[in-house]
Amino acid sequence: MNLGILGAGSFGTAMSNHAAKLGYGVRLWCRNPEQAESINGQRMNPRYLKGCKLHEEVRADSHLERVVAFGEKIILAVPTQSLRDVFGRLKSLDRGLEHDLKQNLKLEGKDFLSLAKGMEISSGKLPHQIAEELLPEISYSALSGPSHAEEVVRDLPTAVVVASRSHATAREWQKTLNSPHFRIYTGDDLMGVELGGAIKNIIAIAVGISQSLNFGDNAKAALATRGLAEMARLGASLGVAPLTLTGLAGTGDLMVTCYSHHSRNLRFGLAIGRGLDREEAASEIGQVVEGAHTVRALVAYARKAGIELPIAEGVHAVLYEGASIHQALQKLLFREPKPEQSLRYQ
């Protein structure tokens, strides 16, 4: 089988390497032609996962149409805020190719697996909802869970979940990508899997801020646990299965994002806690920090729906409302005490 992978960031690169090791032909789409040339010539991505030698079957290409035509299945490894643009380009990919390749560009029924985690700022939609709006003809699945690219590319043990509305489709992706060191579970709760992947990034920013202020492990654990409560409240409002958020895409991804030094969102929070502003912190990380974008969409939705998200509100206040960290902390720490079972006692 041939796989097309759209997006040559850290996770797209790691998944390309993983797929090539499983014996698939791989084409990796890079927006930048120089990046593609470097991958093909040096077998390394010059910007991401530096020092990791890539499998010889990973071939990069800056022409989106050639990568889509090559892949019998497609893995989407682009940031959530870029999905609408990429989907728009996919709708009109038929120029400059030979007849045989044009035939391979038909999207109806084609299997797409999204790795995106976040919510679109402009619409408040999760990745699967953007796909349903723009490309309803494709077969869409989502992969999520605790899976830092830096460890996936080194074949360190990893467990994730693939969710699709079709159990057969989820099983196909499981059979395609499962390996002894990359264990894949299946599920049918697309909303829950993508919601968990979006919210955990915001909580990790809060944990990073607290860690920068030397608040200790108790505070870190409290933020992560109460972050899970915010995740559960949102999930309940959207009809998410509760067990989804206690699994790999919820608790699992939340844990690794809040505690790992690989976490971009955690390191972004650390930078904010040191006094950098939003732009300076993002520049220091040098990669997309999804939580800094998702918090805008999430807080807007929660305010409209009347859902209480104090940690997300605090992160939003610091990043976008000019609040100081001290002010945000005061608001969190001096909230009225409540029962822990927040879903039962609304």
C-alpha atoms as a PDB file:
ATOM      1  CA  MET A   1       0.000   0.000   0.000  1.00  0.00           C
ATOM      2  CA  ASN A   2       1.043   3.593  -0.627  1.00  0.00           C
ATOM      3  CA  LEU A   3       0.340   6.309   1.952  1.00  0.00           C
ATOM      4  CA  GLY A   4       0.256  10.057   1.375  1.00  0.00           C
ATOM      5  CA  ILE A   5       1.033  12.166   4.447  1.00  0.00           C
ATOM      6  CA  LEU A   6       0.086  15.838   4.352  1.00  0.00           C
ATOM      7  CA  GLY A   7       2.235  17.952   6.637  1.00  0.00           C
ATOM      8  CA  ALA A   8       5.939  17.643   7.430  1.00  0.00           C
ATOM      9  CA  GLY A   9       5.929  18.855  11.024  1.00  0.00           C
ATOM     10  CA  SER A  10       7.118  16.699  13.902  1.00  0.00           C
ATOM     11  CA  PHE A  11       4.240  14.232  14.009  1.00  0.00           C
ATOM     12  CA  GLY A  12       3.835  14.027  10.233  1.00  0.00           C
ATOM     13  CA  THR A  13       7.533  13.249   9.923  1.00  0.00           C
ATOM     14  CA  ALA A  14       7.412  10.647  12.707  1.00  0.00           C
ATOM     15  CA  MET A  15       4.354   8.952  11.198  1.00  0.00           C
ATOM     16  CA  SER A  16       6.006   8.917   7.772  1.00  0.00           C
ATOM     17  CA  ASN A  17       8.979   7.119   9.256  1.00  0.00           C
ATOM     18  CA  HIS A  18       6.724   4.702  11.142  1.00  0.00           C
ATOM     19  CA  ALA A  19       4.714   3.856   8.007  1.00  0.00           C
ATOM     20  CA  ALA A  20       7.871   3.332   5.943  1.00  0.00           C
ATOM     21  CA  LYS A  21       9.226   0.916   8.549  1.00  0.00           C
ATOM     22  CA  LEU A  22       5.994  -1.067   8.237  1.00  0.00           C
ATOM     23  CA  GLY A  23       6.750  -1.553   4.544  1.00  0.00           C
ATOM     24  CA  TYR A  24       4.513   1.071   2.921  1.00  0.00           C
ATOM     25  CA  GLY A  25       5.445   3.448   0.164  1.00  0.00           C
ATOM     26  CA  VAL A  26       5.350   6.945   1.669  1.00  0.00           C
ATOM     27  CA  ARG A  27       5.074  10.411   0.172  1.00  0.00           C
ATOM     28  CA  LEU A  28       5.338  13.305   2.588  1.00  0.00           C
ATOM     29  CA  TRP A  29       3.925  16.666   1.517  1.00  0.00           C
ATOM     30  CA  CYS A  30       6.013  19.690   2.488  1.00  0.00           C
ATOM     31  CA  ARG A  31       4.852  23.237   1.830  1.00  0.00           C
ATOM     32  CA  ASN A  32       8.491  24.275   1.404  1.00  0.00           C
ATOM     33  CA  PRO A  33      10.399  22.841  -1.614  1.00  0.00           C
ATOM     34  CA  GLU A  34      13.736  23.302   0.196  1.00  0.00           C
ATOM     35  CA  GLN A  35      12.461  21.199   3.078  1.00  0.00           C
ATOM     36  CA  ALA A  36      11.461  18.439   0.641  1.00  0.00           C
ATOM     37  CA  GLU A  37      14.881  18.547  -1.028  1.00  0.00           C
ATOM     38  CA  SER A  38      16.631  18.275   2.321  1.00  0.00           C
ATOM     39  CA  ILE A  39      14.549  15.275   3.395  1.00  0.00           C
ATOM     40  CA  ASN A  40      15.182  13.492   0.102  1.00  0.00           C
ATOM     41  CA  GLY A  41      18.864  14.343  -0.021  1.00  0.00           C
ATOM     42  CA  GLN A  42      19.943  14.093   3.617  1.00  0.00           C
ATOM     43  CA  ARG A  43      17.229  11.726   4.965  1.00  0.00           C
ATOM     44  CA  MET A  44      16.505  14.240   7.734  1.00  0.00           C
ATOM     45  CA  ASN A  45      13.899  16.933   8.273  1.00  0.00           C
ATOM     46  CA  PRO A  46      15.907  20.167   8.629  1.00  0.00           C
ATOM     47  CA  ARG A  47      13.383  21.810  10.961  1.00  0.00           C
ATOM     48  CA  TYR A  48      11.744  19.028  12.962  1.00  0.00           C
ATOM     49  CA  LEU A  49      13.128  15.981  14.793  1.00  0.00           C
ATOM     50  CA  LYS A  50      16.652  17.107  14.043  1.00  0.00           C
ATOM     51  CA  GLY A  51      19.234  14.361  14.095  1.00  0.00           C
ATOM     52  CA  CYS A  52      16.698  11.588  13.388  1.00  0.00           C
ATOM     53  CA  LYS A  53      17.603   9.662  10.250  1.00  0.00           C
ATOM     54  CA  LEU A  54      14.504   8.867   8.183  1.00  0.00           C
ATOM     55  CA  HIS A  55      13.742   5.586   6.443  1.00  0.00           C
ATOM     56  CA  GLU A  56      14.759   5.464   2.793  1.00  0.00           C
ATOM     57  CA  GLU A  57      11.144   4.862   1.700  1.00  0.00           C
ATOM     58  CA  VAL A  58      10.103   8.298   3.011  1.00  0.00           C
ATOM     59  CA  ARG A  59      10.080  10.555  -0.044  1.00  0.00           C
ATOM     60  CA  ALA A  60       9.100  14.201   0.298  1.00  0.00           C
ATOM     61  CA  ASP A  61       7.295  16.296  -2.317  1.00  0.00           C
ATOM     62  CA  SER A  62       6.161  19.922  -2.289  1.00  0.00           C
ATOM     63  CA  HIS A  63       3.362  19.243  -4.834  1.00  0.00           C
ATOM     64  CA  LEU A  64       0.168  18.437  -2.955  1.00  0.00           C
ATOM     65  CA  GLU A  65      -1.551  16.867  -5.951  1.00  0.00           C
ATOM     66  CA  ARG A  66       1.249  14.345  -6.496  1.00  0.00           C
ATOM     67  CA  VAL A  67       1.185  13.230  -2.866  1.00  0.00           C
ATOM     68  CA  VAL A  68      -2.611  12.822  -2.851  1.00  0.00           C
ATOM     69  CA  ALA A  69      -2.532  10.926  -6.147  1.00  0.00           C
ATOM     70  CA  PHE A  70       0.197   8.638  -4.795  1.00  0.00           C
ATOM     71  CA  GLY A  71      -1.590   7.725  -1.567  1.00  0.00           C
ATOM     72  CA  GLU A  72      -4.247   5.039  -1.463  1.00  0.00           C
ATOM     73  CA  LYS A  73      -4.888   6.328   2.047  1.00  0.00           C
ATOM     74  CA  ILE A  74      -4.121   9.820   3.342  1.00  0.00           C
ATOM     75  CA  ILE A  75      -2.833  10.909   6.753  1.00  0.00           C
ATOM     76  CA  LEU A  76      -3.556  14.549   7.630  1.00  0.00           C
ATOM     77  CA  ALA A  77      -0.758  15.964   9.785  1.00  0.00           C
ATOM     78  CA  VAL A  78      -1.468  19.701   9.481  1.00  0.00           C
ATOM     79  CA  PRO A  79      -2.405  22.032  12.371  1.00  0.00           C
ATOM     80  CA  THR A  80      -6.099  22.554  13.044  1.00  0.00           C
ATOM     81  CA  GLN A  81      -5.924  26.215  12.000  1.00  0.00           C
ATOM     82  CA  SER A  82      -4.581  25.109   8.575  1.00  0.00           C
ATOM     83  CA  LEU A  83      -7.163  22.393   7.880  1.00  0.00           C
ATOM     84  CA  ARG A  84      -9.666  24.667   6.142  1.00  0.00           C
ATOM     85  CA  ASP A  85      -7.007  25.889   3.723  1.00  0.00           C
ATOM     86  CA  VAL A  86      -5.769  22.362   2.978  1.00  0.00           C
ATOM     87  CA  PHE A  87      -9.298  21.010   2.522  1.00  0.00           C
ATOM     88  CA  GLY A  88     -10.008  23.872   0.126  1.00  0.00           C
ATOM     89  CA  ARG A  89      -6.940  22.954  -1.914  1.00  0.00           C
ATOM     90  CA  LEU A  90      -7.959  19.293  -1.945  1.00  0.00           C
ATOM     91  CA  LYS A  91     -11.317  20.158  -3.495  1.00  0.00           C
ATOM     92  CA  SER A  92      -9.658  21.506  -6.638  1.00  0.00           C
ATOM     93  CA  LEU A  93      -6.656  19.238  -7.183  1.00  0.00           C
ATOM     94  CA  ASP A  94      -6.830  18.264 -10.823  1.00  0.00           C
ATOM     95  CA  ARG A  95      -4.402  20.489 -12.668  1.00  0.00           C
ATOM     96  CA  GLY A  96      -1.111  19.622 -14.303  1.00  0.00           C
ATOM     97  CA  LEU A  97      -1.270  15.855 -13.907  1.00  0.00           C
ATOM     98  CA  GLU A  98      -1.366  12.986 -16.351  1.00  0.00           C
ATOM     99  CA  HIS A  99      -4.725  11.281 -16.862  1.00  0.00           C
ATOM    100  CA  ASP A 100      -3.824   8.279 -14.674  1.00  0.00           C
ATOM    101  CA  LEU A 101      -2.836  10.481 -11.767  1.00  0.00           C
ATOM    102  CA  LYS A 102      -5.970  12.596 -12.136  1.00  0.00           C
ATOM    103  CA  GLN A 103      -8.013   9.435 -11.628  1.00  0.00           C
ATOM    104  CA  ASN A 104      -6.263   8.912  -8.288  1.00  0.00           C
ATOM    105  CA  LEU A 105      -7.306  12.370  -7.109  1.00  0.00           C
ATOM    106  CA  LYS A 106     -10.940  11.359  -6.699  1.00  0.00           C
ATOM    107  CA  LEU A 107     -11.731  11.893  -3.017  1.00  0.00           C
ATOM    108  CA  GLU A 108     -15.104  10.167  -2.742  1.00  0.00           C
ATOM    109  CA  GLY A 109     -14.792   7.373  -0.197  1.00  0.00           C
ATOM    110  CA  LYS A 110     -11.042   7.858   0.200  1.00  0.00           C
ATOM    111  CA  ASP A 111      -9.759   7.131   3.700  1.00  0.00           C
ATOM    112  CA  PHE A 112      -8.311  10.120   5.596  1.00  0.00           C
ATOM    113  CA  LEU A 113      -6.783   9.874   9.068  1.00  0.00           C
ATOM    114  CA  SER A 114      -6.381  13.169  10.938  1.00  0.00           C
ATOM    115  CA  LEU A 115      -3.707  13.790  13.558  1.00  0.00           C
ATOM    116  CA  ALA A 116      -4.877  17.363  14.273  1.00  0.00           C
ATOM    117  CA  LYS A 117      -5.644  18.408  17.856  1.00  0.00           C
ATOM    118  CA  GLY A 118      -7.485  21.645  18.473  1.00  0.00           C
ATOM    119  CA  MET A 119     -10.516  23.790  17.653  1.00  0.00           C
ATOM    120  CA  GLU A 120     -10.770  26.225  14.770  1.00  0.00           C
ATOM    121  CA  ILE A 121     -10.754  29.810  16.029  1.00  0.00           C
ATOM    122  CA  SER A 122     -13.047  31.231  13.340  1.00  0.00           C
ATOM    123  CA  SER A 123     -15.823  28.636  13.715  1.00  0.00           C
ATOM    124  CA  GLY A 124     -15.252  26.816  17.013  1.00  0.00           C
ATOM    125  CA  LYS A 125     -15.330  23.540  15.096  1.00  0.00           C
ATOM    126  CA  LEU A 126     -13.313  20.411  15.778  1.00  0.00           C
ATOM    127  CA  PRO A 127     -11.356  18.867  12.875  1.00  0.00           C
ATOM    128  CA  HIS A 128     -14.018  16.278  11.977  1.00  0.00           C
ATOM    129  CA  GLN A 129     -16.647  19.036  11.786  1.00  0.00           C
ATOM    130  CA  ILE A 130     -14.469  21.031   9.375  1.00  0.00           C
ATOM    131  CA  ALA A 131     -14.099  17.904   7.245  1.00  0.00           C
ATOM    132  CA  GLU A 132     -17.863  17.306   7.250  1.00  0.00           C
ATOM    133  CA  GLU A 133     -18.422  20.888   6.111  1.00  0.00           C
ATOM    134  CA  LEU A 134     -15.853  20.968   3.305  1.00  0.00           C
ATOM    135  CA  LEU A 135     -15.195  17.355   2.264  1.00  0.00           C
ATOM    136  CA  PRO A 136     -18.249  15.293   3.236  1.00  0.00           C
ATOM    137  CA  GLU A 137     -17.403  12.734   0.551  1.00  0.00           C
ATOM    138  CA  ILE A 138     -14.256  11.436   2.254  1.00  0.00           C
ATOM    139  CA  SER A 139     -14.040   8.690   4.874  1.00  0.00           C
ATOM    140  CA  TYR A 140     -12.738  10.496   7.974  1.00  0.00           C
ATOM    141  CA  SER A 141     -11.029   9.074  11.064  1.00  0.00           C
ATOM    142  CA  ALA A 142      -8.996  10.666  13.857  1.00  0.00           C
ATOM    143  CA  LEU A 143      -5.946   9.423  15.757  1.00  0.00           C
ATOM    144  CA  SER A 144      -5.209  10.779  19.218  1.00  0.00           C
ATOM    145  CA  GLY A 145      -3.573   9.874  22.506  1.00  0.00           C
ATOM    146  CA  PRO A 146      -0.257  10.360  24.328  1.00  0.00           C
ATOM    147  CA  SER A 147       2.104  10.295  21.369  1.00  0.00           C
ATOM    148  CA  HIS A 148       4.985  12.756  21.304  1.00  0.00           C
ATOM    149  CA  ALA A 149       6.664  12.603  17.904  1.00  0.00           C
ATOM    150  CA  GLU A 150      10.099  12.628  19.542  1.00  0.00           C
ATOM    151  CA  GLU A 151       9.331   9.215  21.042  1.00  0.00           C
ATOM    152  CA  VAL A 152       7.338   7.749  18.152  1.00  0.00           C
ATOM    153  CA  VAL A 153      10.248   8.326  15.762  1.00  0.00           C
ATOM    154  CA  ARG A 154      12.538   6.425  18.179  1.00  0.00           C
ATOM    155  CA  ASP A 155      10.147   3.440  18.350  1.00  0.00           C
ATOM    156  CA  LEU A 156       9.482   3.951  22.063  1.00  0.00           C
ATOM    157  CA  PRO A 157       6.288   2.193  23.263  1.00  0.00           C
ATOM    158  CA  THR A 158       3.212   4.281  22.469  1.00  0.00           C
ATOM    159  CA  ALA A 159      -0.549   3.624  22.664  1.00  0.00           C
ATOM    160  CA  VAL A 160      -3.167   5.677  20.801  1.00  0.00           C
ATOM    161  CA  VAL A 161      -6.788   5.427  19.694  1.00  0.00           C
ATOM    162  CA  VAL A 162      -8.286   5.711  16.201  1.00  0.00           C
ATOM    163  CA  ALA A 163     -11.894   6.877  16.138  1.00  0.00           C
ATOM    164  CA  SER A 164     -14.300   6.674  13.227  1.00  0.00           C
ATOM    165  CA  ARG A 165     -18.063   6.510  12.857  1.00  0.00           C
ATOM    166  CA  SER A 166     -17.430   3.284  10.955  1.00  0.00           C
ATOM    167  CA  HIS A 167     -16.014   0.485  13.083  1.00  0.00           C
ATOM    168  CA  ALA A 168     -14.740  -1.235   9.941  1.00  0.00           C
ATOM    169  CA  THR A 169     -12.817   1.887   8.924  1.00  0.00           C
ATOM    170  CA  ALA A 170     -11.245   2.269  12.378  1.00  0.00           C
ATOM    171  CA  ARG A 171     -10.235  -1.406  12.245  1.00  0.00           C
ATOM    172  CA  GLU A 172      -8.630  -0.866   8.825  1.00  0.00           C
ATOM    173  CA  TRP A 173      -6.493   1.977  10.142  1.00  0.00           C
ATOM    174  CA  GLN A 174      -5.635  -0.158  13.162  1.00  0.00           C
ATOM    175  CA  LYS A 175      -4.440  -2.978  10.892  1.00  0.00           C
ATOM    176  CA  THR A 176      -2.567  -0.501   8.688  1.00  0.00           C
ATOM    177  CA  LEU A 177      -0.545   1.289  11.386  1.00  0.00           C
ATOM    178  CA  ASN A 178      -0.450  -0.964  14.450  1.00  0.00           C
ATOM    179  CA  SER A 179       2.925  -2.349  15.502  1.00  0.00           C
ATOM    180  CA  PRO A 180       4.463  -3.785  18.697  1.00  0.00           C
ATOM    181  CA  HIS A 181       5.750  -0.327  19.694  1.00  0.00           C
ATOM    182  CA  PHE A 182       2.812   1.690  18.309  1.00  0.00           C
ATOM    183  CA  ARG A 183      -0.300   0.058  19.718  1.00  0.00           C
ATOM    184  CA  ILE A 184      -3.611   1.261  18.296  1.00  0.00           C
ATOM    185  CA  TYR A 185      -7.012   0.905  19.937  1.00  0.00           C
ATOM    186  CA  THR A 186     -10.278   1.705  18.141  1.00  0.00           C
ATOM    187  CA  GLY A 187     -13.370   3.720  19.041  1.00  0.00           C
ATOM    188  CA  ASP A 188     -16.426   5.338  17.494  1.00  0.00           C
ATOM    189  CA  ASP A 189     -16.615   8.554  19.563  1.00  0.00           C
ATOM    190  CA  LEU A 190     -15.102  11.072  17.128  1.00  0.00           C
ATOM    191  CA  MET A 191     -16.356  14.027  19.117  1.00  0.00           C
ATOM    192  CA  GLY A 192     -14.891  12.758  22.376  1.00  0.00           C
ATOM    193  CA  VAL A 193     -11.521  11.795  20.938  1.00  0.00           C
ATOM    194  CA  GLU A 194     -11.032  15.168  19.239  1.00  0.00           C
ATOM    195  CA  LEU A 195     -12.388  17.136  22.212  1.00  0.00           C
ATOM    196  CA  GLY A 196      -9.885  15.510  24.550  1.00  0.00           C
ATOM    197  CA  GLY A 197      -7.056  16.275  22.156  1.00  0.00           C
ATOM    198  CA  ALA A 198      -8.087  19.933  22.025  1.00  0.00           C
ATOM    199  CA  ILE A 199      -8.636  20.750  25.686  1.00  0.00           C
ATOM    200  CA  LYS A 200      -5.553  19.058  27.147  1.00  0.00           C
ATOM    201  CA  ASN A 201      -3.286  21.595  25.434  1.00  0.00           C
ATOM    202  CA  ILE A 202      -4.913  24.484  27.300  1.00  0.00           C
ATOM    203  CA  ILE A 203      -4.538  22.753  30.647  1.00  0.00           C
ATOM    204  CA  ALA A 204      -0.866  22.071  29.878  1.00  0.00           C
ATOM    205  CA  ILE A 205      -0.287  25.804  29.380  1.00  0.00           C
ATOM    206  CA  ALA A 206      -1.736  26.428  32.849  1.00  0.00           C
ATOM    207  CA  VAL A 207       0.489  23.693  34.304  1.00  0.00           C
ATOM    208  CA  GLY A 208       3.522  25.244  32.614  1.00  0.00           C
ATOM    209  CA  ILE A 209       2.745  28.637  34.137  1.00  0.00           C
ATOM    210  CA  SER A 210       2.378  27.111  37.613  1.00  0.00           C
ATOM    211  CA  GLN A 211       5.602  25.160  37.214  1.00  0.00           C
ATOM    212  CA  SER A 212       7.467  28.305  36.207  1.00  0.00           C
ATOM    213  CA  LEU A 213       6.234  29.915  39.426  1.00  0.00           C
ATOM    214  CA  ASN A 214       7.528  26.937  41.480  1.00  0.00           C
ATOM    215  CA  PHE A 215       4.069  26.058  42.758  1.00  0.00           C
ATOM    216  CA  GLY A 216       5.057  22.415  43.204  1.00  0.00           C
ATOM    217  CA  ASP A 217       3.712  19.004  42.285  1.00  0.00           C
ATOM    218  CA  ASN A 218       0.483  19.360  44.262  1.00  0.00           C
ATOM    219  CA  ALA A 219      -0.571  22.310  42.121  1.00  0.00           C
ATOM    220  CA  LYS A 220       0.424  20.499  38.936  1.00  0.00           C
ATOM    221  CA  ALA A 221      -1.691  17.472  39.861  1.00  0.00           C
ATOM    222  CA  ALA A 222      -4.608  19.680  40.922  1.00  0.00           C
ATOM    223  CA  LEU A 223      -4.586  21.600  37.631  1.00  0.00           C
ATOM    224  CA  ALA A 224      -4.433  18.417  35.568  1.00  0.00           C
ATOM    225  CA  THR A 225      -7.263  16.800  37.541  1.00  0.00           C
ATOM    226  CA  ARG A 226      -9.507  19.861  37.526  1.00  0.00           C
ATOM    227  CA  GLY A 227      -8.664  20.227  33.852  1.00  0.00           C
ATOM    228  CA  LEU A 228     -10.106  16.771  33.356  1.00  0.00           C
ATOM    229  CA  ALA A 229     -13.254  18.002  35.135  1.00  0.00           C
ATOM    230  CA  GLU A 230     -13.506  20.867  32.622  1.00  0.00           C
ATOM    231  CA  MET A 231     -13.052  18.344  29.837  1.00  0.00           C
ATOM    232  CA  ALA A 232     -15.860  16.225  31.313  1.00  0.00           C
ATOM    233  CA  ARG A 233     -18.248  19.198  31.604  1.00  0.00           C
ATOM    234  CA  LEU A 234     -17.688  20.092  27.975  1.00  0.00           C
ATOM    235  CA  GLY A 235     -18.031  16.482  26.951  1.00  0.00           C
ATOM    236  CA  ALA A 236     -21.347  16.140  28.774  1.00  0.00           C
ATOM    237  CA  SER A 237     -22.715  19.189  26.951  1.00  0.00           C
ATOM    238  CA  LEU A 238     -21.759  17.658  23.588  1.00  0.00           C
ATOM    239  CA  GLY A 239     -22.966  14.119  24.226  1.00  0.00           C
ATOM    240  CA  VAL A 240     -19.486  12.616  24.524  1.00  0.00           C
ATOM    241  CA  ALA A 241     -19.208   9.140  26.038  1.00  0.00           C
ATOM    242  CA  PRO A 242     -17.647   9.636  29.522  1.00  0.00           C
ATOM    243  CA  LEU A 243     -15.336   6.638  29.118  1.00  0.00           C
ATOM    244  CA  THR A 244     -13.725   8.275  26.072  1.00  0.00           C
ATOM    245  CA  LEU A 245     -12.334  11.046  28.258  1.00  0.00           C
ATOM    246  CA  THR A 246     -10.991   8.591  30.835  1.00  0.00           C
ATOM    247  CA  GLY A 247      -9.044   6.808  28.094  1.00  0.00           C
ATOM    248  CA  LEU A 248      -6.053   7.502  25.896  1.00  0.00           C
ATOM    249  CA  ALA A 249      -7.504  10.540  24.110  1.00  0.00           C
ATOM    250  CA  GLY A 250      -8.565  12.163  27.390  1.00  0.00           C
ATOM    251  CA  THR A 251      -6.659  11.280  30.552  1.00  0.00           C
ATOM    252  CA  GLY A 252      -3.727   9.732  28.679  1.00  0.00           C
ATOM    253  CA  ASP A 253      -3.049  12.699  26.438  1.00  0.00           C
ATOM    254  CA  LEU A 254      -3.692  15.136  29.286  1.00  0.00           C
ATOM    255  CA  MET A 255      -1.066  13.416  31.449  1.00  0.00           C
ATOM    256  CA  VAL A 256       1.689  13.364  28.853  1.00  0.00           C
ATOM    257  CA  THR A 257       1.036  16.946  27.732  1.00  0.00           C
ATOM    258  CA  CYS A 258       1.069  18.295  31.292  1.00  0.00           C
ATOM    259  CA  TYR A 259       4.127  16.359  32.474  1.00  0.00           C
ATOM    260  CA  SER A 260       6.483  15.806  29.529  1.00  0.00           C
ATOM    261  CA  HIS A 261       9.420  18.024  28.577  1.00  0.00           C
ATOM    262  CA  HIS A 262       8.511  17.272  24.932  1.00  0.00           C
ATOM    263  CA  SER A 263       5.216  19.163  25.366  1.00  0.00           C
ATOM    264  CA  ARG A 264       5.133  22.390  23.355  1.00  0.00           C
ATOM    265  CA  ASN A 265       2.125  23.649  25.313  1.00  0.00           C
ATOM    266  CA  LEU A 266       3.826  23.006  28.654  1.00  0.00           C
ATOM    267  CA  ARG A 267       6.979  24.807  27.494  1.00  0.00           C
ATOM    268  CA  PHE A 268       4.836  27.667  26.172  1.00  0.00           C
ATOM    269  CA  GLY A 269       3.271  27.983  29.630  1.00  0.00           C
ATOM    270  CA  LEU A 270       6.712  27.941  31.217  1.00  0.00           C
ATOM    271  CA  ALA A 271       7.736  30.829  28.949  1.00  0.00           C
ATOM    272  CA  ILE A 272       4.594  32.798  29.821  1.00  0.00           C
ATOM    273  CA  GLY A 273       5.325  32.203  33.499  1.00  0.00           C
ATOM    274  CA  ARG A 274       8.808  33.637  33.036  1.00  0.00           C
ATOM    275  CA  GLY A 275       7.275  36.867  31.799  1.00  0.00           C
ATOM    276  CA  LEU A 276       7.316  36.472  28.003  1.00  0.00           C
ATOM    277  CA  ASP A 277       4.265  37.669  26.106  1.00  0.00           C
ATOM    278  CA  ARG A 278       2.253  35.426  23.768  1.00  0.00           C
ATOM    279  CA  GLU A 279       4.249  36.209  20.622  1.00  0.00           C
ATOM    280  CA  GLU A 280       7.621  35.923  22.361  1.00  0.00           C
ATOM    281  CA  ALA A 281       6.704  32.581  23.900  1.00  0.00           C
ATOM    282  CA  ALA A 282       5.460  31.200  20.569  1.00  0.00           C
ATOM    283  CA  SER A 283       8.663  32.358  18.879  1.00  0.00           C
ATOM    284  CA  GLU A 284      10.750  30.625  21.533  1.00  0.00           C
ATOM    285  CA  ILE A 285       8.930  27.319  20.946  1.00  0.00           C
ATOM    286  CA  GLY A 286       9.300  27.648  17.176  1.00  0.00           C
ATOM    287  CA  GLN A 287       6.363  25.341  16.392  1.00  0.00           C
ATOM    288  CA  VAL A 288       2.571  25.605  16.449  1.00  0.00           C
ATOM    289  CA  VAL A 289       1.244  25.769  20.027  1.00  0.00           C
ATOM    290  CA  GLU A 290      -2.320  24.554  19.481  1.00  0.00           C
ATOM    291  CA  GLY A 291      -3.522  25.378  22.989  1.00  0.00           C
ATOM    292  CA  ALA A 292      -2.815  29.081  22.516  1.00  0.00           C
ATOM    293  CA  HIS A 293      -5.209  29.093  19.542  1.00  0.00           C
ATOM    294  CA  THR A 294      -7.785  26.582  20.794  1.00  0.00           C
ATOM    295  CA  VAL A 295      -8.390  28.500  24.037  1.00  0.00           C
ATOM    296  CA  ARG A 296      -9.958  31.340  22.033  1.00  0.00           C
ATOM    297  CA  ALA A 297     -12.492  29.053  20.366  1.00  0.00           C
ATOM    298  CA  LEU A 298     -13.139  27.002  23.482  1.00  0.00           C
ATOM    299  CA  VAL A 299     -13.786  29.939  25.804  1.00  0.00           C
ATOM    300  CA  ALA A 300     -16.069  31.589  23.243  1.00  0.00           C
ATOM    301  CA  TYR A 301     -18.113  28.375  22.993  1.00  0.00           C
ATOM    302  CA  ALA A 302     -18.241  27.841  26.757  1.00  0.00           C
ATOM    303  CA  ARG A 303     -19.383  31.397  27.462  1.00  0.00           C
ATOM    304  CA  LYS A 304     -22.147  31.079  24.905  1.00  0.00           C
ATOM    305  CA  ALA A 305     -23.224  27.689  26.265  1.00  0.00           C
ATOM    306  CA  GLY A 306     -22.957  28.741  29.912  1.00  0.00           C
ATOM    307  CA  ILE A 307     -20.303  26.146  30.787  1.00  0.00           C
ATOM    308  CA  GLU A 308     -17.892  26.946  33.599  1.00  0.00           C
ATOM    309  CA  LEU A 309     -14.219  26.501  32.612  1.00  0.00           C
ATOM    310  CA  PRO A 310     -12.167  28.415  35.196  1.00  0.00           C
ATOM    311  CA  ILE A 311      -8.727  27.106  34.124  1.00  0.00           C
ATOM    312  CA  ALA A 312      -9.353  27.769  30.443  1.00  0.00           C
ATOM    313  CA  GLU A 313     -10.773  31.187  31.349  1.00  0.00           C
ATOM    314  CA  GLY A 314      -7.619  31.962  33.315  1.00  0.00           C
ATOM    315  CA  VAL A 315      -5.338  31.013  30.417  1.00  0.00           C
ATOM    316  CA  HIS A 316      -7.486  33.083  28.042  1.00  0.00           C
ATOM    317  CA  ALA A 317      -7.382  36.090  30.379  1.00  0.00           C
ATOM    318  CA  VAL A 318      -3.573  36.026  30.530  1.00  0.00           C
ATOM    319  CA  LEU A 319      -3.032  35.447  26.805  1.00  0.00           C
ATOM    320  CA  TYR A 320      -5.760  37.633  25.302  1.00  0.00           C
ATOM    321  CA  GLU A 321      -7.363  39.930  27.876  1.00  0.00           C
ATOM    322  CA  GLY A 322      -4.319  41.650  29.360  1.00  0.00           C
ATOM    323  CA  ALA A 323      -4.687  40.028  32.766  1.00  0.00           C
ATOM    324  CA  SER A 324      -1.564  39.466  34.816  1.00  0.00           C
ATOM    325  CA  ILE A 325      -0.735  35.970  36.016  1.00  0.00           C
ATOM    326  CA  HIS A 326      -1.321  37.198  39.572  1.00  0.00           C
ATOM    327  CA  GLN A 327      -4.840  38.387  38.688  1.00  0.00           C
ATOM    328  CA  ALA A 328      -5.704  35.099  36.985  1.00  0.00           C
ATOM    329  CA  LEU A 329      -4.414  33.130  39.960  1.00  0.00           C
ATOM    330  CA  GLN A 330      -6.376  35.242  42.435  1.00  0.00           C
ATOM    331  CA  LYS A 331      -9.544  34.547  40.464  1.00  0.00           C
ATOM    332  CA  LEU A 332      -8.846  30.804  40.480  1.00  0.00           C
ATOM    333  CA  LEU A 333      -7.782  30.476  44.104  1.00  0.00           C
ATOM    334  CA  PHE A 334     -10.574  32.573  45.584  1.00  0.00           C
ATOM    335  CA  ARG A 335     -13.456  30.869  43.791  1.00  0.00           C
ATOM    336  CA  GLU A 336     -16.368  29.715  45.939  1.00  0.00           C
ATOM    337  CA  PRO A 337     -15.673  26.174  47.257  1.00  0.00           C
ATOM    338  CA  LYS A 338     -17.821  23.536  45.542  1.00  0.00           C
ATOM    339  CA  PRO A 339     -18.451  19.780  45.613  1.00  0.00           C
ATOM    340  CA  GLU A 340     -15.942  17.832  43.513  1.00  0.00           C
ATOM    341  CA  GLN A 341     -18.633  15.950  41.586  1.00  0.00           C
ATOM    342  CA  SER A 342     -19.190  18.914  39.274  1.00  0.00           C
ATOM    343  CA  LEU A 343     -21.213  16.981  36.704  1.00  0.00           C
ATOM    344  CA  ARG A 344     -23.737  15.933  39.347  1.00  0.00           C
ATOM    345  CA  TYR A 345     -23.998  19.318  41.069  1.00  0.00           C
ATOM    346  CA  GLN A 346     -24.346  21.817  38.250  1.00  0.00           C
END
